[in-house]
């Protein structure tokens, strides 16, 4: 059952990436990111309030516990890691094609896989190893496709930003497994709704601080007649970013909370979102060099199928 929710999360994550790319085109990055965290927190804030006043029963799947300070410290740490990953990722997304961003983001489960094997002692079966190998090969092919668009990984700072984002995202994935594992299994034992709700709220509070600092800096540059970057303008896809992400994360956390869930496989399946984002990049954004990337995506799809077989 957990693998089904992983695939649902992957589909929504692809739509999230597409909405993010459309929102960031010729737009100011920091306000877009702030609104994303704001809308996400507004989705979960009512659940926190209703749970506090006992309007939502503790046995409900939407119940959000108040938690102890010890538990909130872990959530705050996760919020910082995820927000840093988003900051690097949003700036990279604004300057790179979606069909390049998706494949590099797909390296996250490989990093998570290595970490899961080292930290949690997870082991993959024969079918899963085939799936992982095909996915790794597809990433190699996709990275070569970037050269045809004049994007050289060694000399592009936005590629470096994207790599930092991927590394931090992998760290967040490993932390999720530790936070949600039962204390008997060496974890913290946090509830999925507690984790998702509070970390979105903390991210919004952190982004308020970042936005204030950013606006002060822009005001100083304006007074000094320094050239400004793109101004912010509203797009409805900004709202879709938060909706798709919140539901995708809900399915992700629910998958991890089910018995037998493996963080390495859930993370790898979530990277299947690159297929959805590729289709959006081709149809909506009309990005170039698509024929060379179709074969690469076939390998990603084949890898997802083998992961599905190995997890059934």
Protein backbone atom coordinates (compact mmCIF):
# COMPACT_ATOMS: atom_id res chain seq x y z
CA UNK A 1 0.00 0.00 0.00
CA UNK A 2 2.81 2.44 0.83
CA UNK A 3 4.23 2.21 -2.70
CA UNK A 4 0.89 3.42 -4.15
CA UNK A 5 1.03 6.58 -2.07
CA UNK A 6 4.64 7.06 -3.18
CA UNK A 7 3.50 7.09 -6.83
CA UNK A 8 0.66 9.50 -6.02
CA UNK A 9 3.19 11.78 -4.36
CA UNK A 10 5.44 11.56 -7.44
CA UNK A 11 2.65 12.66 -9.80
CA UNK A 12 1.72 15.64 -7.65
CA UNK A 13 5.38 16.52 -7.23
CA UNK A 14 5.75 16.74 -11.01
CA UNK A 15 2.82 19.15 -11.19
CA UNK A 16 4.38 21.10 -8.33
CA UNK A 17 7.63 21.49 -10.29
CA UNK A 18 5.75 22.64 -13.38
CA UNK A 19 3.77 25.21 -11.40
CA UNK A 20 6.95 26.42 -9.77
CA UNK A 21 8.73 26.89 -13.11
CA UNK A 22 5.82 28.85 -14.59
CA UNK A 23 5.59 31.00 -11.46
CA UNK A 24 9.30 31.82 -11.42
CA UNK A 25 9.66 32.82 -15.07
CA UNK A 26 10.55 36.52 -15.18
CA UNK A 27 9.51 36.86 -11.55
CA UNK A 28 11.11 37.76 -8.22
CA UNK A 29 12.17 34.52 -6.52
CA UNK A 30 11.99 35.41 -2.81
CA UNK A 31 8.36 36.66 -2.77
CA UNK A 32 7.27 33.57 -4.72
CA UNK A 33 8.96 31.31 -2.17
CA UNK A 34 7.44 33.30 0.71
CA UNK A 35 3.93 32.97 -0.71
CA UNK A 36 4.49 29.25 -1.17
CA UNK A 37 5.38 28.80 2.50
CA UNK A 38 2.51 31.12 3.51
CA UNK A 39 -0.14 29.20 1.57
CA UNK A 40 1.22 25.86 2.82
CA UNK A 41 1.05 27.05 6.42
CA UNK A 42 -2.50 28.38 5.90
CA UNK A 43 -3.55 24.92 4.74
CA UNK A 44 -2.35 23.29 7.97
CA UNK A 45 -2.87 26.10 10.51
CA UNK A 46 -6.63 25.43 10.85
CA UNK A 47 -5.87 21.77 11.58
CA UNK A 48 -3.46 22.79 14.36
CA UNK A 49 -6.01 25.17 15.90
CA UNK A 50 -8.93 22.74 15.63
CA UNK A 51 -6.83 19.94 17.12
CA UNK A 52 -5.80 22.17 20.03
CA UNK A 53 -9.44 22.95 20.86
CA UNK A 54 -10.38 19.25 20.52
CA UNK A 55 -12.54 19.85 17.45
CA UNK A 56 -10.60 17.10 15.70
CA UNK A 57 -10.48 13.73 17.46
CA UNK A 58 -7.10 12.22 18.26
CA UNK A 59 -7.91 9.14 16.18
CA UNK A 60 -8.55 11.26 13.06
CA UNK A 61 -5.97 11.21 10.27
CA UNK A 62 -6.04 15.04 10.33
CA UNK A 63 -5.31 15.42 14.03
CA UNK A 64 -2.20 17.51 14.79
CA UNK A 65 -0.60 17.08 18.20
CA UNK A 66 0.83 20.08 20.07
CA UNK A 67 4.02 18.20 20.91
CA UNK A 68 6.85 18.85 23.33
CA UNK A 69 9.75 21.27 22.95
CA UNK A 70 12.06 18.32 22.27
CA UNK A 71 9.87 17.29 19.33
CA UNK A 72 9.60 20.86 18.04
CA UNK A 73 13.38 21.21 18.00
CA UNK A 74 13.53 18.35 15.51
CA UNK A 75 10.83 19.97 13.39
CA UNK A 76 12.67 23.28 13.45
CA UNK A 77 15.84 21.53 12.26
CA UNK A 78 13.91 19.93 9.41
CA UNK A 79 12.38 23.31 8.51
CA UNK A 80 15.81 24.92 8.23
CA UNK A 81 17.17 22.10 6.05
CA UNK A 82 14.14 22.11 3.73
CA UNK A 83 14.04 25.90 3.45
CA UNK A 84 17.73 26.04 2.51
CA UNK A 85 17.08 23.36 -0.09
CA UNK A 86 14.17 25.40 -1.46
CA UNK A 87 16.18 28.62 -1.58
CA UNK A 88 18.89 27.00 -3.69
CA UNK A 89 16.33 25.09 -5.75
CA UNK A 90 14.08 28.07 -6.50
CA UNK A 91 16.93 30.22 -7.78
CA UNK A 92 18.16 27.33 -9.93
CA UNK A 93 14.64 26.68 -11.26
CA UNK A 94 14.30 30.33 -12.25
CA UNK A 95 17.41 30.16 -14.45
CA UNK A 96 17.41 26.60 -15.84
CA UNK A 97 15.04 24.62 -18.11
CA UNK A 98 12.58 22.37 -16.31
CA UNK A 99 13.82 19.40 -18.33
CA UNK A 100 17.28 19.94 -16.82
CA UNK A 101 16.15 20.65 -13.26
CA UNK A 102 14.06 17.48 -13.05
CA UNK A 103 16.87 15.04 -13.87
CA UNK A 104 19.33 16.63 -11.44
CA UNK A 105 16.69 16.56 -8.72
CA UNK A 106 16.31 12.87 -9.54
CA UNK A 107 19.75 12.29 -7.99
CA UNK A 108 18.24 12.81 -4.54
CA UNK A 109 17.06 9.21 -4.05
CA UNK A 110 20.51 7.93 -5.01
CA UNK A 111 22.05 10.04 -2.27
CA UNK A 112 19.22 9.02 0.05
CA UNK A 113 19.75 5.36 -0.91
CA UNK A 114 23.40 5.47 0.11
CA UNK A 115 22.50 7.24 3.33
CA UNK A 116 19.68 4.78 4.11
CA UNK A 117 21.97 1.80 3.58
CA UNK A 118 24.62 3.31 5.85
CA UNK A 119 22.41 4.83 8.56
CA UNK A 120 19.36 2.54 8.62
CA UNK A 121 20.83 -0.69 7.26
CA UNK A 122 18.17 -0.98 4.56
CA UNK A 123 18.72 -3.68 1.92
CA UNK A 124 17.33 -3.86 -1.62
CA UNK A 125 16.19 -7.01 -3.40
CA UNK A 126 17.17 -8.08 -6.93
CA UNK A 127 14.33 -6.27 -8.72
CA UNK A 128 14.90 -3.08 -6.77
CA UNK A 129 18.60 -3.06 -7.63
CA UNK A 130 17.71 -3.32 -11.32
CA UNK A 131 15.36 -0.37 -10.92
CA UNK A 132 17.99 1.70 -9.13
CA UNK A 133 20.63 0.86 -11.78
CA UNK A 134 18.33 1.88 -14.63
CA UNK A 135 17.51 5.14 -12.85
CA UNK A 136 21.18 5.95 -12.33
CA UNK A 137 21.91 5.28 -16.00
CA UNK A 138 19.04 7.51 -17.06
CA UNK A 139 20.41 10.35 -14.96
CA UNK A 140 23.75 10.05 -16.74
CA UNK A 141 22.05 10.31 -20.13
CA UNK A 142 19.91 13.24 -19.06
CA UNK A 143 22.90 15.16 -17.75
CA UNK A 144 24.58 14.83 -21.16
CA UNK A 145 21.51 16.27 -22.84
CA UNK A 146 22.13 19.57 -21.07
CA UNK A 147 25.23 20.20 -23.17
CA UNK A 148 23.08 20.43 -26.29
CA UNK A 149 21.38 23.45 -24.71
CA UNK A 150 24.65 25.17 -23.87
CA UNK A 151 24.48 24.30 -20.17
CA UNK A 152 27.87 23.08 -18.92
CA UNK A 153 27.60 21.75 -15.42
CA UNK A 154 31.15 22.67 -14.37
CA UNK A 155 30.79 26.34 -15.22
CA UNK A 156 27.20 27.14 -14.30
CA UNK A 157 26.47 28.45 -10.81
CA UNK A 158 22.78 27.58 -11.08
CA UNK A 159 23.74 23.94 -11.60
CA UNK A 160 25.78 24.23 -8.40
CA UNK A 161 22.74 25.70 -6.64
CA UNK A 162 20.68 22.77 -7.85
CA UNK A 163 23.24 20.26 -6.57
CA UNK A 164 23.22 21.94 -3.14
CA UNK A 165 19.43 21.75 -3.19
CA UNK A 166 19.54 18.04 -4.03
CA UNK A 167 22.03 17.29 -1.24
CA UNK A 168 19.96 19.15 1.34
CA UNK A 169 16.80 17.45 0.06
CA UNK A 170 18.42 14.04 0.54
CA UNK A 171 19.40 15.01 4.09
CA UNK A 172 15.78 15.96 4.74
CA UNK A 173 14.61 12.59 3.45
CA UNK A 174 16.93 10.71 5.81
CA UNK A 175 15.83 12.92 8.69
CA UNK A 176 12.18 12.12 7.88
CA UNK A 177 12.83 8.42 8.25
CA UNK A 178 14.55 8.95 11.61
CA UNK A 179 11.85 11.29 12.93
CA UNK A 180 8.97 9.02 11.98
CA UNK A 181 10.53 5.69 12.96
CA UNK A 182 9.27 4.21 16.23
CA UNK A 183 11.48 4.67 19.32
CA UNK A 184 11.83 0.87 19.48
CA UNK A 185 13.38 1.06 16.00
CA UNK A 186 15.79 3.80 17.03
CA UNK A 187 13.72 6.76 15.82
CA UNK A 188 11.90 9.69 17.41
CA UNK A 189 8.38 8.43 16.69
CA UNK A 190 6.79 11.66 15.45
CA UNK A 191 3.34 11.56 13.88
CA UNK A 192 3.20 12.41 10.17
CA UNK A 193 0.58 15.18 10.56
CA UNK A 194 2.52 16.72 13.43
CA UNK A 195 5.67 16.75 11.29
CA UNK A 196 4.08 18.12 8.13
CA UNK A 197 1.91 20.74 9.80
CA UNK A 198 4.46 22.27 12.14
CA UNK A 199 7.37 22.27 9.73
CA UNK A 200 5.28 24.21 7.20
CA UNK A 201 4.43 26.75 9.91
CA UNK A 202 8.07 27.12 10.96
CA UNK A 203 9.14 27.53 7.34
CA UNK A 204 6.71 30.41 6.91
CA UNK A 205 8.02 32.15 10.03
CA UNK A 206 11.59 31.76 8.81
CA UNK A 207 10.62 33.13 5.39
CA UNK A 208 9.05 36.20 7.02
CA UNK A 209 12.49 37.05 8.43
CA UNK A 210 14.18 36.39 5.09
CA UNK A 211 11.60 38.47 3.21
CA UNK A 212 12.04 41.45 5.55
CA UNK A 213 15.82 41.36 5.12
CA UNK A 214 15.42 40.97 1.35
CA UNK A 215 13.01 43.93 1.08
CA UNK A 216 15.33 46.16 3.12
CA UNK A 217 18.19 45.25 0.80
CA UNK A 218 16.11 46.00 -2.29
CA UNK A 219 15.07 49.35 -0.81
CA UNK A 220 18.70 50.28 -0.21
CA UNK A 221 19.58 49.31 -3.78
CA UNK A 222 16.69 51.38 -5.10
CA UNK A 223 17.82 54.42 -3.12
CA UNK A 224 21.33 53.92 -4.46
CA UNK A 225 19.93 53.58 -8.01
CA UNK A 226 21.38 50.08 -8.25
CA UNK A 227 19.95 47.87 -11.00
CA UNK A 228 17.18 45.64 -9.62
CA UNK A 229 16.29 42.09 -10.56
CA UNK A 230 12.85 41.05 -11.82
CA UNK A 231 9.95 42.65 -9.99
CA UNK A 232 7.31 40.46 -8.41
CA UNK A 233 3.99 39.93 -10.16
CA UNK A 234 1.17 37.61 -9.15
CA UNK A 235 0.46 34.38 -11.01
CA UNK A 236 -2.24 31.88 -10.08
CA UNK A 237 0.28 29.06 -10.47
CA UNK A 238 1.89 30.35 -7.25
CA UNK A 239 -1.16 29.08 -5.38
CA UNK A 240 -0.96 25.75 -7.22
CA UNK A 241 2.61 25.33 -5.97
CA UNK A 242 1.40 25.14 -2.39
CA UNK A 243 -1.61 22.93 -3.12
CA UNK A 244 0.31 20.34 -5.14
CA UNK A 245 3.21 20.33 -2.67
CA UNK A 246 1.02 19.97 0.42
CA UNK A 247 -0.95 17.04 -0.98
CA UNK A 248 2.23 15.42 -2.36
CA UNK A 249 3.92 15.68 1.04
CA UNK A 250 0.79 14.34 2.75
CA UNK A 251 0.95 11.22 0.55
CA UNK A 252 4.72 11.00 1.14
CA UNK A 253 4.48 11.16 4.94
CA UNK A 254 1.57 8.73 4.93
CA UNK A 255 3.61 6.27 2.85
CA UNK A 256 6.52 6.47 5.31
CA UNK A 257 4.20 5.90 8.26
CA UNK A 258 2.94 2.56 6.89
CA UNK A 259 4.58 -0.72 8.01
CA UNK A 260 7.43 -1.90 5.79
CA UNK A 261 7.96 1.46 4.09
CA UNK A 262 11.52 1.95 2.82
CA UNK A 263 12.81 5.52 2.55
CA UNK A 264 15.17 4.57 -0.29
CA UNK A 265 12.32 3.26 -2.47
CA UNK A 266 9.82 5.98 -1.55
CA UNK A 267 12.40 8.66 -2.41
CA UNK A 268 13.29 6.97 -5.70
CA UNK A 269 9.64 6.64 -6.76
CA UNK A 270 9.04 10.30 -5.91
CA UNK A 271 11.73 11.19 -8.42
CA UNK A 272 9.46 9.69 -11.06
CA UNK A 273 7.96 13.17 -10.95
CA UNK A 274 10.56 14.02 -13.59
CA UNK A 275 8.30 12.29 -16.13
CA UNK A 276 5.36 14.53 -15.26
CA UNK A 277 7.52 17.65 -15.25
CA UNK A 278 9.03 16.63 -18.60
CA UNK A 279 5.59 16.41 -20.20
CA UNK A 280 4.69 19.81 -18.74
CA UNK A 281 7.98 21.24 -20.00
CA UNK A 282 7.26 19.94 -23.49
CA UNK A 283 3.59 20.91 -23.74
CA UNK A 284 3.29 24.03 -21.58
CA UNK A 285 6.78 25.54 -21.66
CA UNK A 286 7.79 24.24 -25.12
CA UNK A 287 11.38 23.58 -24.06
CA UNK A 288 14.03 22.49 -26.58
CA UNK A 289 16.01 19.30 -27.21
CA UNK A 290 13.11 17.04 -26.25
CA UNK A 291 13.79 14.17 -28.66
CA UNK A 292 17.18 13.47 -27.09
CA UNK A 293 15.55 13.28 -23.65
CA UNK A 294 12.68 10.92 -24.49
CA UNK A 295 14.95 7.86 -24.50
CA UNK A 296 16.38 8.98 -21.17
CA UNK A 297 12.89 9.15 -19.70
CA UNK A 298 12.13 5.62 -20.93
CA UNK A 299 14.95 4.38 -18.70
CA UNK A 300 13.50 6.31 -15.76
CA UNK A 301 10.07 4.77 -16.39
CA UNK A 302 11.60 1.28 -16.65
CA UNK A 303 13.38 1.87 -13.34
CA UNK A 304 10.10 2.84 -11.69
CA UNK A 305 8.46 -0.36 -12.99
CA UNK A 306 11.21 -2.55 -11.53
CA UNK A 307 10.96 -0.72 -8.21
CA UNK A 308 7.22 -1.39 -8.24
CA UNK A 309 7.76 -5.12 -8.92
CA UNK A 310 10.39 -5.37 -6.21
CA UNK A 311 8.13 -3.69 -3.66
CA UNK A 312 4.98 -5.77 -4.31
